[in-house]
Amino acid sequence: MKQERERFSPHTIVQAAPGKTFSAVEDEVVVLDLEKGTYYALDEVGRFVWEGLQAPKRVGELEAAILETYEVEPDVCRNDLLELLADLDRQGLIEIVE
């Protein structure tokens, strides 16, 4: 898992992979991968990140936006964001642009 997280630096540009459908359900979002026939539920912060990934974003921009919006310690934010991005990447839901 650590190796997967290391793919992402503050300067890495990521975006949602094309062809993924999503729908907001209360504070969460459900992402549908129609090719695989699977879906993924993301909590409130996951939804915030997912919506931010609809256009290419630097990981550092996502982190700064989370810190501005939510009460969270910077180290916790960074670790949780890297875990989420690694998981989304492993599931094929995001792609690294640069």
PDB file of N, CA and C in Angstrom:
ATOM      1  N   MET A   1       0.830  -1.193   0.000  1.00  0.00           N
ATOM      2  CA  MET A   1       0.000   0.000   0.000  1.00  0.00           C
ATOM      3  C   MET A   1       0.867   1.247   0.000  1.00  0.00           C
ATOM      4  N   LYS A   2       1.973   1.219   0.772  1.00  0.00           N
ATOM      5  CA  LYS A   2       2.836   2.400   0.828  1.00  0.00           C
ATOM      6  C   LYS A   2       3.378   2.736  -0.557  1.00  0.00           C
ATOM      7  N   GLN A   3       3.762   1.718  -1.315  1.00  0.00           N
ATOM      8  CA  GLN A   3       4.291   1.938  -2.660  1.00  0.00           C
ATOM      9  C   GLN A   3       3.237   2.594  -3.550  1.00  0.00           C
ATOM     10  N   GLU A   4       1.992   2.191  -3.425  1.00  0.00           N
ATOM     11  CA  GLU A   4       0.914   2.804  -4.214  1.00  0.00           C
ATOM     12  C   GLU A   4       0.758   4.275  -3.854  1.00  0.00           C
ATOM     13  N   ARG A   5       0.875   4.594  -2.575  1.00  0.00           N
ATOM     14  CA  ARG A   5       0.753   5.981  -2.121  1.00  0.00           C
ATOM     15  C   ARG A   5       1.895   6.830  -2.645  1.00  0.00           C
ATOM     16  N   GLU A   6       3.062   6.239  -2.813  1.00  0.00           N
ATOM     17  CA  GLU A   6       4.232   6.981  -3.263  1.00  0.00           C
ATOM     18  C   GLU A   6       4.098   7.451  -4.709  1.00  0.00           C
ATOM     19  N   ARG A   7       3.140   6.946  -5.436  1.00  0.00           N
ATOM     20  CA  ARG A   7       2.895   7.410  -6.808  1.00  0.00           C
ATOM     21  C   ARG A   7       2.395   8.845  -6.820  1.00  0.00           C
ATOM     22  N   PHE A   8       1.904   9.308  -5.678  1.00  0.00           N
ATOM     23  CA  PHE A   8       1.270  10.620  -5.602  1.00  0.00           C
ATOM     24  C   PHE A   8       2.111  11.595  -4.786  1.00  0.00           C
ATOM     25  N   SER A   9       2.553  12.656  -5.437  1.00  0.00           N
ATOM     26  CA  SER A   9       3.231  13.751  -4.744  1.00  0.00           C
ATOM     27  C   SER A   9       2.292  14.953  -4.793  1.00  0.00           C
ATOM     28  N   PRO A  10       2.595  16.029  -4.075  1.00  0.00           N
ATOM     29  CA  PRO A  10       1.737  17.213  -4.151  1.00  0.00           C
ATOM     30  C   PRO A  10       1.610  17.778  -5.568  1.00  0.00           C
ATOM     31  N   HIS A  11       2.586  17.454  -6.428  1.00  0.00           N
ATOM     32  CA  HIS A  11       2.585  17.992  -7.794  1.00  0.00           C
ATOM     33  C   HIS A  11       1.950  17.048  -8.818  1.00  0.00           C
ATOM     34  N   THR A  12       1.626  15.825  -8.404  1.00  0.00           N
ATOM     35  CA  THR A  12       1.000  14.863  -9.308  1.00  0.00           C
ATOM     36  C   THR A  12      -0.385  15.364  -9.698  1.00  0.00           C
ATOM     37  N   ILE A  13      -0.672  15.326 -10.993  1.00  0.00           N
ATOM     38  CA  ILE A  13      -1.984  15.754 -11.483  1.00  0.00           C
ATOM     39  C   ILE A  13      -2.833  14.510 -11.723  1.00  0.00           C
ATOM     40  N   VAL A  14      -4.010  14.501 -11.115  1.00  0.00           N
ATOM     41  CA  VAL A  14      -4.921  13.362 -11.234  1.00  0.00           C
ATOM     42  C   VAL A  14      -6.300  13.848 -11.660  1.00  0.00           C
ATOM     43  N   GLN A  15      -7.068  12.930 -12.208  1.00  0.00           N
ATOM     44  CA  GLN A  15      -8.450  13.229 -12.573  1.00  0.00           C
ATOM     45  C   GLN A  15      -9.243  11.936 -12.576  1.00  0.00           C
ATOM     46  N   ALA A  16     -10.562  12.071 -12.543  1.00  0.00           N
ATOM     47  CA  ALA A  16     -11.429  10.899 -12.629  1.00  0.00           C
ATOM     48  C   ALA A  16     -11.220  10.239 -13.987  1.00  0.00           C
ATOM     49  N   ALA A  17     -11.196   8.929 -14.001  1.00  0.00           N
ATOM     50  CA  ALA A  17     -11.060   8.202 -15.259  1.00  0.00           C
ATOM     51  C   ALA A  17     -12.323   8.413 -16.090  1.00  0.00           C
ATOM     52  N   PRO A  18     -12.176   8.466 -17.402  1.00  0.00           N
ATOM     53  CA  PRO A  18     -13.358   8.667 -18.244  1.00  0.00           C
ATOM     54  C   PRO A  18     -14.319   7.480 -18.156  1.00  0.00           C
ATOM     55  N   GLY A  19     -15.577   7.763 -18.396  1.00  0.00           N
ATOM     56  CA  GLY A  19     -16.579   6.710 -18.458  1.00  0.00           C
ATOM     57  C   GLY A  19     -17.131   6.259 -17.121  1.00  0.00           C
ATOM     58  N   LYS A  20     -16.823   6.983 -16.067  1.00  0.00           N
ATOM     59  CA  LYS A  20     -17.360   6.625 -14.751  1.00  0.00           C
ATOM     60  C   LYS A  20     -18.559   7.517 -14.453  1.00  0.00           C
ATOM     61  N   THR A  21     -19.662   6.909 -14.104  1.00  0.00           N
ATOM     62  CA  THR A  21     -20.890   7.624 -13.785  1.00  0.00           C
ATOM     63  C   THR A  21     -20.984   7.739 -12.272  1.00  0.00           C
ATOM     64  N   PHE A  22     -21.513   8.841 -11.797  1.00  0.00           N
ATOM     65  CA  PHE A  22     -21.660   8.965 -10.347  1.00  0.00           C
ATOM     66  C   PHE A  22     -22.944   9.694 -10.014  1.00  0.00           C
ATOM     67  N   SER A  23     -23.419   9.424  -8.807  1.00  0.00           N
ATOM     68  CA  SER A  23     -24.650  10.043  -8.338  1.00  0.00           C
ATOM     69  C   SER A  23     -24.513  10.357  -6.854  1.00  0.00           C
ATOM     70  N   ALA A  24     -24.905  11.565  -6.490  1.00  0.00           N
ATOM     71  CA  ALA A  24     -24.872  11.975  -5.084  1.00  0.00           C
ATOM     72  C   ALA A  24     -26.078  11.396  -4.362  1.00  0.00           C
ATOM     73  N   VAL A  25     -25.828  10.855  -3.185  1.00  0.00           N
ATOM     74  CA  VAL A  25     -26.876  10.314  -2.328  1.00  0.00           C
ATOM     75  C   VAL A  25     -26.626  10.884  -0.935  1.00  0.00           C
ATOM     76  N   GLU A  26     -27.423  11.884  -0.563  1.00  0.00           N
ATOM     77  CA  GLU A  26     -27.224  12.627   0.684  1.00  0.00           C
ATOM     78  C   GLU A  26     -25.816  13.212   0.689  1.00  0.00           C
ATOM     79  N   ASP A  27     -25.002  12.912   1.727  1.00  0.00           N
ATOM     80  CA  ASP A  27     -23.652  13.469   1.815  1.00  0.00           C
ATOM     81  C   ASP A  27     -22.614  12.613   1.101  1.00  0.00           C
ATOM     82  N   GLU A  28     -23.040  11.519   0.521  1.00  0.00           N
ATOM     83  CA  GLU A  28     -22.117  10.586  -0.112  1.00  0.00           C
ATOM     84  C   GLU A  28     -22.265  10.634  -1.627  1.00  0.00           C
ATOM     85  N   VAL A  29     -21.398   9.887  -2.293  1.00  0.00           N
ATOM     86  CA  VAL A  29     -21.511   9.737  -3.736  1.00  0.00           C
ATOM     87  C   VAL A  29     -21.288   8.260  -4.061  1.00  0.00           C
ATOM     88  N   VAL A  30     -22.022   7.777  -5.048  1.00  0.00           N
ATOM     89  CA  VAL A  30     -21.848   6.420  -5.539  1.00  0.00           C
ATOM     90  C   VAL A  30     -21.275   6.530  -6.943  1.00  0.00           C
ATOM     91  N   VAL A  31     -20.129   5.889  -7.152  1.00  0.00           N
ATOM     92  CA  VAL A  31     -19.453   5.910  -8.446  1.00  0.00           C
ATOM     93  C   VAL A  31     -19.698   4.563  -9.114  1.00  0.00           C
ATOM     94  N   LEU A  32     -20.190   4.595 -10.335  1.00  0.00           N
ATOM     95  CA  LEU A  32     -20.494   3.374 -11.077  1.00  0.00           C
ATOM     96  C   LEU A  32     -19.453   3.152 -12.159  1.00  0.00           C
ATOM     97  N   ASP A  33     -18.911   1.953 -12.182  1.00  0.00           N
ATOM     98  CA  ASP A  33     -18.014   1.547 -13.257  1.00  0.00           C
ATOM     99  C   ASP A  33     -18.811   0.568 -14.107  1.00  0.00           C
ATOM    100  N   LEU A  34     -19.409   1.083 -15.164  1.00  0.00           N
ATOM    101  CA  LEU A  34     -20.300   0.263 -15.984  1.00  0.00           C
ATOM    102  C   LEU A  34     -19.555  -0.845 -16.714  1.00  0.00           C
ATOM    103  N   GLU A  35     -18.278  -0.625 -17.049  1.00  0.00           N
ATOM    104  CA  GLU A  35     -17.494  -1.665 -17.721  1.00  0.00           C
ATOM    105  C   GLU A  35     -17.324  -2.888 -16.827  1.00  0.00           C
ATOM    106  N   LYS A  36     -17.014  -2.654 -15.562  1.00  0.00           N
ATOM    107  CA  LYS A  36     -16.785  -3.751 -14.621  1.00  0.00           C
ATOM    108  C   LYS A  36     -18.068  -4.216 -13.945  1.00  0.00           C
ATOM    109  N   GLY A  37     -19.111  -3.383 -14.015  1.00  0.00           N
ATOM    110  CA  GLY A  37     -20.353  -3.717 -13.338  1.00  0.00           C
ATOM    111  C   GLY A  37     -20.239  -3.591 -11.828  1.00  0.00           C
ATOM    112  N   THR A  38     -19.430  -2.651 -11.380  1.00  0.00           N
ATOM    113  CA  THR A  38     -19.230  -2.459  -9.951  1.00  0.00           C
ATOM    114  C   THR A  38     -19.553  -1.022  -9.562  1.00  0.00           C
ATOM    115  N   TYR A  39     -19.765  -0.840  -8.263  1.00  0.00           N
ATOM    116  CA  TYR A  39     -19.994   0.517  -7.773  1.00  0.00           C
ATOM    117  C   TYR A  39     -19.194   0.723  -6.491  1.00  0.00           C
ATOM    118  N   TYR A  40     -18.919   1.975  -6.208  1.00  0.00           N
ATOM    119  CA  TYR A  40     -18.119   2.351  -5.049  1.00  0.00           C
ATOM    120  C   TYR A  40     -18.821   3.486  -4.331  1.00  0.00           C
ATOM    121  N   ALA A  41     -18.988   3.358  -3.037  1.00  0.00           N
ATOM    122  CA  ALA A  41     -19.605   4.416  -2.232  1.00  0.00           C
ATOM    123  C   ALA A  41     -18.502   5.195  -1.529  1.00  0.00           C
ATOM    124  N   LEU A  42     -18.577   6.506  -1.618  1.00  0.00           N
ATOM    125  CA  LEU A  42     -17.605   7.378  -0.963  1.00  0.00           C
ATOM    126  C   LEU A  42     -18.324   8.252   0.050  1.00  0.00           C
ATOM    127  N   ASP A  43     -17.697   8.452   1.201  1.00  0.00           N
ATOM    128  CA  ASP A  43     -18.290   9.283   2.245  1.00  0.00           C
ATOM    129  C   ASP A  43     -18.229  10.762   1.862  1.00  0.00           C
ATOM    130  N   GLU A  44     -18.572  11.624   2.796  1.00  0.00           N
ATOM    131  CA  GLU A  44     -18.662  13.062   2.510  1.00  0.00           C
ATOM    132  C   GLU A  44     -17.349  13.645   1.982  1.00  0.00           C
ATOM    133  N   VAL A  45     -16.244  13.314   2.620  1.00  0.00           N
ATOM    134  CA  VAL A  45     -14.956  13.838   2.156  1.00  0.00           C
ATOM    135  C   VAL A  45     -14.566  13.170   0.843  1.00  0.00           C
ATOM    136  N   GLY A  46     -14.855  11.882   0.713  1.00  0.00           N
ATOM    137  CA  GLY A  46     -14.608  11.194  -0.552  1.00  0.00           C
ATOM    138  C   GLY A  46     -15.390  11.830  -1.686  1.00  0.00           C
ATOM    139  N   ARG A  47     -16.620  12.220  -1.395  1.00  0.00           N
ATOM    140  CA  ARG A  47     -17.440  12.914  -2.398  1.00  0.00           C
ATOM    141  C   ARG A  47     -16.791  14.238  -2.781  1.00  0.00           C
ATOM    142  N   PHE A  48     -16.318  14.977  -1.790  1.00  0.00           N
ATOM    143  CA  PHE A  48     -15.655  16.258  -2.035  1.00  0.00           C
ATOM    144  C   PHE A  48     -14.455  16.060  -2.970  1.00  0.00           C
ATOM    145  N   VAL A  49     -13.658  15.036  -2.692  1.00  0.00           N
ATOM    146  CA  VAL A  49     -12.491  14.736  -3.532  1.00  0.00           C
ATOM    147  C   VAL A  49     -12.945  14.312  -4.921  1.00  0.00           C
ATOM    148  N   TRP A  50     -13.919  13.403  -5.004  1.00  0.00           N
ATOM    149  CA  TRP A  50     -14.387  12.904  -6.292  1.00  0.00           C
ATOM    150  C   TRP A  50     -14.893  14.048  -7.168  1.00  0.00           C
ATOM    151  N   GLU A  51     -15.682  14.931  -6.594  1.00  0.00           N
ATOM    152  CA  GLU A  51     -16.191  16.062  -7.370  1.00  0.00           C
ATOM    153  C   GLU A  51     -15.044  16.961  -7.830  1.00  0.00           C
ATOM    154  N   GLY A  52     -14.012  17.090  -7.007  1.00  0.00           N
ATOM    155  CA  GLY A  52     -12.841  17.863  -7.404  1.00  0.00           C
ATOM    156  C   GLY A  52     -12.062  17.221  -8.535  1.00  0.00           C
ATOM    157  N   LEU A  53     -12.152  15.903  -8.647  1.00  0.00           N
ATOM    158  CA  LEU A  53     -11.409  15.171  -9.674  1.00  0.00           C
ATOM    159  C   LEU A  53     -12.106  15.150 -11.031  1.00  0.00           C
ATOM    160  N   GLN A  54     -13.214  15.834 -11.161  1.00  0.00           N
ATOM    161  CA  GLN A  54     -13.898  15.877 -12.455  1.00  0.00           C
ATOM    162  C   GLN A  54     -13.122  16.719 -13.464  1.00  0.00           C
ATOM    163  N   ALA A  55     -12.133  17.439 -12.999  1.00  0.00           N
ATOM    164  CA  ALA A  55     -11.183  18.157 -13.852  1.00  0.00           C
ATOM    165  C   ALA A  55      -9.800  17.859 -13.270  1.00  0.00           C
ATOM    166  N   PRO A  56      -8.762  17.891 -14.100  1.00  0.00           N
ATOM    167  CA  PRO A  56      -7.421  17.600 -13.581  1.00  0.00           C
ATOM    168  C   PRO A  56      -7.045  18.523 -12.420  1.00  0.00           C
ATOM    169  N   LYS A  57      -6.496  17.928 -11.371  1.00  0.00           N
ATOM    170  CA  LYS A  57      -6.094  18.679 -10.176  1.00  0.00           C
ATOM    171  C   LYS A  57      -4.774  18.125  -9.654  1.00  0.00           C
ATOM    172  N   ARG A  58      -3.964  19.007  -9.117  1.00  0.00           N
ATOM    173  CA  ARG A  58      -2.762  18.568  -8.409  1.00  0.00           C
ATOM    174  C   ARG A  58      -3.192  18.022  -7.039  1.00  0.00           C
ATOM    175  N   VAL A  59      -2.500  17.007  -6.588  1.00  0.00           N
ATOM    176  CA  VAL A  59      -2.795  16.428  -5.282  1.00  0.00           C
ATOM    177  C   VAL A  59      -2.713  17.506  -4.203  1.00  0.00           C
ATOM    178  N   GLY A  60      -1.743  18.394  -4.309  1.00  0.00           N
ATOM    179  CA  GLY A  60      -1.606  19.478  -3.338  1.00  0.00           C
ATOM    180  C   GLY A  60      -2.804  20.411  -3.323  1.00  0.00           C
ATOM    181  N   GLU A  61      -3.422  20.626  -4.492  1.00  0.00           N
ATOM    182  CA  GLU A  61      -4.629  21.463  -4.557  1.00  0.00           C
ATOM    183  C   GLU A  61      -5.785  20.788  -3.828  1.00  0.00           C
ATOM    184  N   LEU A  62      -5.918  19.484  -4.030  1.00  0.00           N
ATOM    185  CA  LEU A  62      -6.975  18.736  -3.343  1.00  0.00           C
ATOM    186  C   LEU A  62      -6.774  18.803  -1.831  1.00  0.00           C
ATOM    187  N   GLU A  63      -5.534  18.609  -1.411  1.00  0.00           N
ATOM    188  CA  GLU A  63      -5.231  18.657   0.021  1.00  0.00           C
ATOM    189  C   GLU A  63      -5.567  20.030   0.600  1.00  0.00           C
ATOM    190  N   ALA A  64      -5.167  21.088  -0.089  1.00  0.00           N
ATOM    191  CA  ALA A  64      -5.446  22.449   0.395  1.00  0.00           C
ATOM    192  C   ALA A  64      -6.946  22.704   0.481  1.00  0.00           C
ATOM    193  N   ALA A  65      -7.700  22.217  -0.503  1.00  0.00           N
ATOM    194  CA  ALA A  65      -9.151  22.417  -0.504  1.00  0.00           C
ATOM    195  C   ALA A  65      -9.804  21.686   0.667  1.00  0.00           C
ATOM    196  N   ILE A  66      -9.325  20.481   0.959  1.00  0.00           N
ATOM    197  CA  ILE A  66      -9.869  19.733   2.097  1.00  0.00           C
ATOM    198  C   ILE A  66      -9.575  20.476   3.398  1.00  0.00           C
ATOM    199  N   LEU A  67      -8.346  20.956   3.537  1.00  0.00           N
ATOM    200  CA  LEU A  67      -7.960  21.670   4.759  1.00  0.00           C
ATOM    201  C   LEU A  67      -8.763  22.948   4.949  1.00  0.00           C
ATOM    202  N   GLU A  68      -9.131  23.602   3.855  1.00  0.00           N
ATOM    203  CA  GLU A  68      -9.945  24.818   3.941  1.00  0.00           C
ATOM    204  C   GLU A  68     -11.392  24.517   4.310  1.00  0.00           C
ATOM    205  N   THR A  69     -11.874  23.351   3.901  1.00  0.00           N
ATOM    206  CA  THR A  69     -13.287  23.011   4.053  1.00  0.00           C
ATOM    207  C   THR A  69     -13.597  22.245   5.338  1.00  0.00           C
ATOM    208  N   TYR A  70     -12.685  21.390   5.757  1.00  0.00           N
ATOM    209  CA  TYR A  70     -12.934  20.505   6.899  1.00  0.00           C
ATOM    210  C   TYR A  70     -11.934  20.777   8.019  1.00  0.00           C
ATOM    211  N   GLU A  71     -12.363  20.516   9.235  1.00  0.00           N
ATOM    212  CA  GLU A  71     -11.470  20.624  10.390  1.00  0.00           C
ATOM    213  C   GLU A  71     -10.707  19.315  10.515  1.00  0.00           C
ATOM    214  N   VAL A  72      -9.481  19.330  10.033  1.00  0.00           N
ATOM    215  CA  VAL A  72      -8.644  18.131  10.057  1.00  0.00           C
ATOM    216  C   VAL A  72      -7.186  18.574  10.150  1.00  0.00           C
ATOM    217  N   GLU A  73      -6.396  17.787  10.853  1.00  0.00           N
ATOM    218  CA  GLU A  73      -4.966  18.074  10.970  1.00  0.00           C
ATOM    219  C   GLU A  73      -4.295  17.809   9.618  1.00  0.00           C
ATOM    220  N   PRO A  74      -3.322  18.623   9.236  1.00  0.00           N
ATOM    221  CA  PRO A  74      -2.663  18.456   7.935  1.00  0.00           C
ATOM    222  C   PRO A  74      -2.098  17.059   7.695  1.00  0.00           C
ATOM    223  N   ASP A  75      -1.449  16.459   8.710  1.00  0.00           N
ATOM    224  CA  ASP A  75      -0.883  15.118   8.519  1.00  0.00           C
ATOM    225  C   ASP A  75      -1.969  14.075   8.295  1.00  0.00           C
ATOM    226  N   VAL A  76      -3.054  14.187   9.041  1.00  0.00           N
ATOM    227  CA  VAL A  76      -4.176  13.254   8.879  1.00  0.00           C
ATOM    228  C   VAL A  76      -4.792  13.436   7.496  1.00  0.00           C
ATOM    229  N   CYS A  77      -4.972  14.677   7.088  1.00  0.00           N
ATOM    230  CA  CYS A  77      -5.536  14.979   5.770  1.00  0.00           C
ATOM    231  C   CYS A  77      -4.685  14.357   4.671  1.00  0.00           C
ATOM    232  N   ARG A  78      -3.387  14.596   4.733  1.00  0.00           N
ATOM    233  CA  ARG A  78      -2.478  14.089   3.701  1.00  0.00           C
ATOM    234  C   ARG A  78      -2.524  12.566   3.644  1.00  0.00           C
ATOM    235  N   ASN A  79      -2.420  11.924   4.811  1.00  0.00           N
ATOM    236  CA  ASN A  79      -2.432  10.456   4.847  1.00  0.00           C
ATOM    237  C   ASN A  79      -3.738   9.888   4.314  1.00  0.00           C
ATOM    238  N   ASP A  80      -4.863  10.446   4.757  1.00  0.00           N
ATOM    239  CA  ASP A  80      -6.164   9.948   4.300  1.00  0.00           C
ATOM    240  C   ASP A  80      -6.361  10.190   2.810  1.00  0.00           C
ATOM    241  N   LEU A  81      -5.923  11.348   2.318  1.00  0.00           N
ATOM    242  CA  LEU A  81      -6.055  11.643   0.890  1.00  0.00           C
ATOM    243  C   LEU A  81      -5.222  10.677   0.065  1.00  0.00           C
ATOM    244  N   LEU A  82      -3.992  10.414   0.491  1.00  0.00           N
ATOM    245  CA  LEU A  82      -3.142   9.481  -0.253  1.00  0.00           C
ATOM    246  C   LEU A  82      -3.727   8.077  -0.243  1.00  0.00           C
ATOM    247  N   GLU A  83      -4.305   7.667   0.882  1.00  0.00           N
ATOM    248  CA  GLU A  83      -4.960   6.350   0.952  1.00  0.00           C
ATOM    249  C   GLU A  83      -6.135   6.287  -0.021  1.00  0.00           C
ATOM    250  N   LEU A  84      -6.949   7.339  -0.028  1.00  0.00           N
ATOM    251  CA  LEU A  84      -8.105   7.376  -0.924  1.00  0.00           C
ATOM    252  C   LEU A  84      -7.660   7.351  -2.378  1.00  0.00           C
ATOM    253  N   LEU A  85      -6.687   8.171  -2.738  1.00  0.00           N
ATOM    254  CA  LEU A  85      -6.215   8.208  -4.123  1.00  0.00           C
ATOM    255  C   LEU A  85      -5.630   6.867  -4.543  1.00  0.00           C
ATOM    256  N   ALA A  86      -4.877   6.222  -3.657  1.00  0.00           N
ATOM    257  CA  ALA A  86      -4.316   4.909  -3.973  1.00  0.00           C
ATOM    258  C   ALA A  86      -5.431   3.895  -4.204  1.00  0.00           C
ATOM    259  N   ASP A  87      -6.474   3.949  -3.387  1.00  0.00           N
ATOM    260  CA  ASP A  87      -7.600   3.028  -3.550  1.00  0.00           C
ATOM    261  C   ASP A  87      -8.351   3.300  -4.851  1.00  0.00           C
ATOM    262  N   LEU A  88      -8.628   4.572  -5.139  1.00  0.00           N
ATOM    263  CA  LEU A  88      -9.316   4.919  -6.386  1.00  0.00           C
ATOM    264  C   LEU A  88      -8.482   4.514  -7.594  1.00  0.00           C
ATOM    265  N   ASP A  89      -7.171   4.673  -7.493  1.00  0.00           N
ATOM    266  CA  ASP A  89      -6.269   4.282  -8.581  1.00  0.00           C
ATOM    267  C   ASP A  89      -6.291   2.772  -8.768  1.00  0.00           C
ATOM    268  N   ARG A  90      -6.213   2.037  -7.674  1.00  0.00           N
ATOM    269  CA  ARG A  90      -6.234   0.571  -7.726  1.00  0.00           C
ATOM    270  C   ARG A  90      -7.528   0.063  -8.363  1.00  0.00           C
ATOM    271  N   GLN A  91      -8.638   0.767  -8.132  1.00  0.00           N
ATOM    272  CA  GLN A  91      -9.932   0.370  -8.692  1.00  0.00           C
ATOM    273  C   GLN A  91     -10.130   0.869 -10.128  1.00  0.00           C
ATOM    274  N   GLY A  92      -9.165   1.635 -10.643  1.00  0.00           N
ATOM    275  CA  GLY A  92      -9.270   2.152 -12.008  1.00  0.00           C
ATOM    276  C   GLY A  92     -10.217   3.332 -12.140  1.00  0.00           C
ATOM    277  N   LEU A  93     -10.488   4.018 -11.036  1.00  0.00           N
ATOM    278  CA  LEU A  93     -11.444   5.121 -11.066  1.00  0.00           C
ATOM    279  C   LEU A  93     -10.798   6.472 -11.341  1.00  0.00           C
ATOM    280  N   ILE A  94      -9.479   6.557 -11.178  1.00  0.00           N
ATOM    281  CA  ILE A  94      -8.775   7.803 -11.487  1.00  0.00           C
ATOM    282  C   ILE A  94      -7.586   7.490 -12.376  1.00  0.00           C
ATOM    283  N   GLU A  95      -7.039   8.542 -12.964  1.00  0.00           N
ATOM    284  CA  GLU A  95      -5.829   8.378 -13.753  1.00  0.00           C
ATOM    285  C   GLU A  95      -4.878   9.523 -13.449  1.00  0.00           C
ATOM    286  N   ILE A  96      -3.597   9.208 -13.546  1.00  0.00           N
ATOM    287  CA  ILE A  96      -2.571  10.223 -13.364  1.00  0.00           C
ATOM    288  C   ILE A  96      -2.348  10.881 -14.711  1.00  0.00           C
ATOM    289  N   VAL A  97      -2.478  12.203 -14.729  1.00  0.00           N
ATOM    290  CA  VAL A  97      -2.327  12.952 -15.972  1.00  0.00           C
ATOM    291  C   VAL A  97      -0.861  13.274 -16.199  1.00  0.00           C
ATOM    292  N   GLU A  98      -0.163  13.574 -15.118  1.00  0.00           N
ATOM    293  CA  GLU A  98       1.229  13.994 -15.239  1.00  0.00           C
ATOM    294  C   GLU A  98       1.970  13.652 -13.986  1.00  0.00           C
TER     295      GLU A  98
END
